[in-house]
Amino acid sequence: MPFFCYIVECSDGTFYTGWTTDPPRREKQHNAGKGARYTSTRRPVKLVYLEEQPDKISALKRELAIKALKREQKKKLIGK
């Protein structure tokens, strides 16, 4: 089973980083207000970055690494 780290851009221009095994489903959850407390008040969100990881532990570690990046570094990562 593949694991993914992702970044969604919220309607207010902020970024939310997470991990999942099904990116399209997760984006729908965020847009339905059931994905995360942070994104529930910042809908709609748009999936702007996706990175496959070999296992859950790697995905969790990469999620933390991305969350530690500054906004400008995240923008560079997603190509903005």
N, C-alpha and C. Protein backbone atom coordinates (compact mmCIF):
# COMPACT_ATOMS: atom_id res chain seq x y z
N MET A 1 0.84 -1.18 0.00
CA MET A 1 0.00 0.00 0.00
C MET A 1 0.89 1.25 0.00
N PRO A 2 0.68 2.16 -0.93
CA PRO A 2 1.49 3.39 -0.95
C PRO A 2 1.00 4.40 0.09
N PHE A 3 1.91 5.19 0.55
CA PHE A 3 1.61 6.27 1.48
C PHE A 3 2.07 7.57 0.83
N PHE A 4 1.38 8.66 1.12
CA PHE A 4 1.69 9.94 0.50
C PHE A 4 1.72 11.05 1.53
N CYS A 5 2.64 11.99 1.35
CA CYS A 5 2.62 13.26 2.05
C CYS A 5 1.98 14.24 1.07
N TYR A 6 1.21 15.16 1.58
CA TYR A 6 0.55 16.11 0.69
C TYR A 6 0.49 17.48 1.32
N ILE A 7 0.30 18.47 0.46
CA ILE A 7 0.04 19.84 0.90
C ILE A 7 -1.22 20.29 0.18
N VAL A 8 -2.16 20.83 0.93
CA VAL A 8 -3.32 21.48 0.32
C VAL A 8 -3.21 22.97 0.60
N GLU A 9 -3.67 23.75 -0.37
CA GLU A 9 -3.74 25.19 -0.18
C GLU A 9 -5.18 25.54 0.19
N CYS A 10 -5.32 26.25 1.27
CA CYS A 10 -6.64 26.62 1.76
C CYS A 10 -7.13 27.89 1.06
N SER A 11 -8.42 28.17 1.21
CA SER A 11 -9.02 29.32 0.55
C SER A 11 -8.40 30.65 1.00
N ASP A 12 -7.81 30.68 2.18
CA ASP A 12 -7.17 31.91 2.67
C ASP A 12 -5.70 31.99 2.28
N GLY A 13 -5.23 31.02 1.46
CA GLY A 13 -3.85 31.05 0.98
C GLY A 13 -2.85 30.33 1.87
N THR A 14 -3.30 29.81 3.01
CA THR A 14 -2.40 29.07 3.88
C THR A 14 -2.26 27.63 3.40
N PHE A 15 -1.25 26.95 3.91
CA PHE A 15 -0.99 25.57 3.54
C PHE A 15 -1.25 24.64 4.72
N TYR A 16 -1.75 23.44 4.40
CA TYR A 16 -1.92 22.39 5.39
C TYR A 16 -1.19 21.16 4.86
N THR A 17 -0.39 20.54 5.71
CA THR A 17 0.37 19.36 5.33
C THR A 17 -0.14 18.15 6.10
N GLY A 18 -0.22 17.02 5.41
CA GLY A 18 -0.67 15.80 6.05
C GLY A 18 -0.15 14.58 5.31
N TRP A 19 -0.65 13.41 5.69
CA TRP A 19 -0.29 12.17 5.00
C TRP A 19 -1.56 11.36 4.81
N THR A 20 -1.54 10.47 3.81
CA THR A 20 -2.71 9.66 3.50
C THR A 20 -2.31 8.47 2.64
N THR A 21 -3.24 7.55 2.48
CA THR A 21 -3.05 6.45 1.54
C THR A 21 -3.90 6.67 0.28
N ASP A 22 -4.78 7.66 0.32
CA ASP A 22 -5.70 7.93 -0.80
C ASP A 22 -5.87 9.44 -0.95
N PRO A 23 -5.01 10.10 -1.72
CA PRO A 23 -5.07 11.56 -1.85
C PRO A 23 -6.41 12.13 -2.32
N PRO A 24 -7.05 11.58 -3.37
CA PRO A 24 -8.34 12.15 -3.78
C PRO A 24 -9.41 12.08 -2.68
N ARG A 25 -9.46 10.95 -1.97
CA ARG A 25 -10.41 10.81 -0.87
C ARG A 25 -10.13 11.83 0.23
N ARG A 26 -8.85 12.01 0.54
CA ARG A 26 -8.47 12.93 1.61
C ARG A 26 -8.83 14.37 1.25
N GLU A 27 -8.61 14.76 0.01
CA GLU A 27 -8.97 16.10 -0.42
C GLU A 27 -10.49 16.30 -0.29
N LYS A 28 -11.27 15.30 -0.66
CA LYS A 28 -12.73 15.38 -0.52
C LYS A 28 -13.12 15.51 0.95
N GLN A 29 -12.43 14.78 1.82
CA GLN A 29 -12.72 14.88 3.26
C GLN A 29 -12.47 16.30 3.76
N HIS A 30 -11.33 16.86 3.36
CA HIS A 30 -11.02 18.24 3.77
C HIS A 30 -12.11 19.19 3.28
N ASN A 31 -12.53 19.04 2.04
CA ASN A 31 -13.53 19.94 1.48
C ASN A 31 -14.92 19.72 2.04
N ALA A 32 -15.15 18.56 2.64
CA ALA A 32 -16.42 18.29 3.30
C ALA A 32 -16.41 18.76 4.76
N GLY A 33 -15.27 19.29 5.21
CA GLY A 33 -15.17 19.76 6.58
C GLY A 33 -14.83 18.68 7.57
N LYS A 34 -14.44 17.49 7.09
CA LYS A 34 -14.15 16.37 7.96
C LYS A 34 -12.69 15.96 7.94
N GLY A 35 -11.84 16.71 7.24
CA GLY A 35 -10.44 16.32 7.10
C GLY A 35 -9.59 16.68 8.30
N ALA A 36 -9.70 17.91 8.74
CA ALA A 36 -8.92 18.41 9.87
C ALA A 36 -9.59 19.67 10.39
N ARG A 37 -9.42 19.94 11.65
CA ARG A 37 -10.01 21.14 12.23
C ARG A 37 -9.50 22.39 11.51
N TYR A 38 -8.21 22.40 11.20
CA TYR A 38 -7.61 23.57 10.55
C TYR A 38 -8.27 23.87 9.21
N THR A 39 -8.47 22.86 8.40
CA THR A 39 -9.02 23.09 7.06
C THR A 39 -10.54 23.25 7.06
N SER A 40 -11.20 22.82 8.11
CA SER A 40 -12.67 22.87 8.12
C SER A 40 -13.21 24.29 8.03
N THR A 41 -12.45 25.26 8.49
CA THR A 41 -12.89 26.66 8.41
C THR A 41 -12.21 27.42 7.29
N ARG A 42 -11.42 26.73 6.48
CA ARG A 42 -10.67 27.38 5.40
C ARG A 42 -10.96 26.73 4.05
N ARG A 43 -12.18 26.27 3.86
CA ARG A 43 -12.56 25.60 2.63
C ARG A 43 -12.93 26.60 1.56
N PRO A 44 -12.81 26.21 0.29
CA PRO A 44 -12.33 24.92 -0.20
C PRO A 44 -10.81 24.85 -0.18
N VAL A 45 -10.30 23.64 -0.18
CA VAL A 45 -8.86 23.42 -0.27
C VAL A 45 -8.55 22.79 -1.62
N LYS A 46 -7.31 22.97 -2.05
CA LYS A 46 -6.88 22.41 -3.33
C LYS A 46 -5.57 21.66 -3.10
N LEU A 47 -5.51 20.43 -3.57
CA LEU A 47 -4.28 19.64 -3.46
C LEU A 47 -3.24 20.24 -4.38
N VAL A 48 -2.11 20.70 -3.80
CA VAL A 48 -1.08 21.37 -4.60
C VAL A 48 0.25 20.63 -4.62
N TYR A 49 0.40 19.62 -3.76
CA TYR A 49 1.67 18.88 -3.71
C TYR A 49 1.42 17.47 -3.21
N LEU A 50 2.09 16.52 -3.85
CA LEU A 50 1.94 15.12 -3.48
C LEU A 50 3.29 14.43 -3.62
N GLU A 51 3.67 13.67 -2.62
CA GLU A 51 4.96 12.99 -2.60
C GLU A 51 4.76 11.57 -2.05
N GLU A 52 5.05 10.57 -2.87
CA GLU A 52 4.87 9.18 -2.43
C GLU A 52 6.00 8.77 -1.50
N GLN A 53 5.64 7.98 -0.49
CA GLN A 53 6.60 7.47 0.49
C GLN A 53 6.49 5.95 0.54
N PRO A 54 7.58 5.26 0.87
CA PRO A 54 7.56 3.80 0.85
C PRO A 54 6.75 3.14 1.97
N ASP A 55 6.60 3.84 3.10
CA ASP A 55 5.87 3.25 4.23
C ASP A 55 5.32 4.36 5.13
N LYS A 56 4.52 3.95 6.10
CA LYS A 56 3.86 4.91 6.97
C LYS A 56 4.85 5.73 7.79
N ILE A 57 5.86 5.08 8.33
CA ILE A 57 6.87 5.79 9.14
C ILE A 57 7.56 6.87 8.31
N SER A 58 7.92 6.54 7.08
CA SER A 58 8.55 7.54 6.20
C SER A 58 7.60 8.69 5.92
N ALA A 59 6.33 8.38 5.70
CA ALA A 59 5.35 9.42 5.44
C ALA A 59 5.19 10.35 6.65
N LEU A 60 5.16 9.77 7.84
CA LEU A 60 5.04 10.59 9.05
C LEU A 60 6.26 11.48 9.25
N LYS A 61 7.44 10.93 9.02
CA LYS A 61 8.68 11.71 9.17
C LYS A 61 8.73 12.83 8.14
N ARG A 62 8.33 12.53 6.90
CA ARG A 62 8.35 13.55 5.85
C ARG A 62 7.31 14.63 6.14
N GLU A 63 6.16 14.24 6.65
CA GLU A 63 5.14 15.22 7.03
C GLU A 63 5.71 16.21 8.05
N LEU A 64 6.38 15.70 9.07
CA LEU A 64 6.99 16.58 10.08
C LEU A 64 8.05 17.48 9.47
N ALA A 65 8.84 16.93 8.54
CA ALA A 65 9.89 17.73 7.90
C ALA A 65 9.27 18.86 7.07
N ILE A 66 8.20 18.56 6.35
CA ILE A 66 7.54 19.59 5.55
C ILE A 66 6.89 20.64 6.45
N LYS A 67 6.26 20.20 7.53
CA LYS A 67 5.64 21.15 8.46
C LYS A 67 6.66 22.10 9.08
N ALA A 68 7.90 21.65 9.20
CA ALA A 68 8.94 22.48 9.79
C ALA A 68 9.47 23.53 8.81
N LEU A 69 9.14 23.41 7.54
CA LEU A 69 9.61 24.37 6.54
C LEU A 69 8.89 25.70 6.72
N LYS A 70 9.57 26.77 6.36
CA LYS A 70 8.95 28.09 6.35
C LYS A 70 8.06 28.20 5.12
N ARG A 71 7.15 29.14 5.14
CA ARG A 71 6.19 29.30 4.05
C ARG A 71 6.88 29.43 2.69
N GLU A 72 7.92 30.23 2.61
CA GLU A 72 8.63 30.41 1.34
C GLU A 72 9.25 29.11 0.86
N GLN A 73 9.75 28.30 1.78
CA GLN A 73 10.32 27.00 1.41
C GLN A 73 9.23 26.07 0.89
N LYS A 74 8.05 26.12 1.49
CA LYS A 74 6.92 25.30 1.02
C LYS A 74 6.50 25.74 -0.38
N LYS A 75 6.46 27.06 -0.60
CA LYS A 75 6.10 27.57 -1.92
C LYS A 75 7.10 27.10 -2.98
N LYS A 76 8.35 27.09 -2.63
CA LYS A 76 9.38 26.61 -3.56
C LYS A 76 9.20 25.11 -3.83
N LEU A 77 8.88 24.35 -2.79
CA LEU A 77 8.68 22.91 -2.92
C LEU A 77 7.52 22.61 -3.89
N ILE A 78 6.44 23.36 -3.78
CA ILE A 78 5.29 23.08 -4.64
C ILE A 78 5.38 23.80 -5.99
N GLY A 79 6.43 24.59 -6.17
CA GLY A 79 6.63 25.25 -7.46
C GLY A 79 5.85 26.52 -7.65
N LYS A 80 5.61 27.23 -6.58
CA LYS A 80 4.87 28.52 -6.66
C LYS A 80 5.81 29.68 -6.61
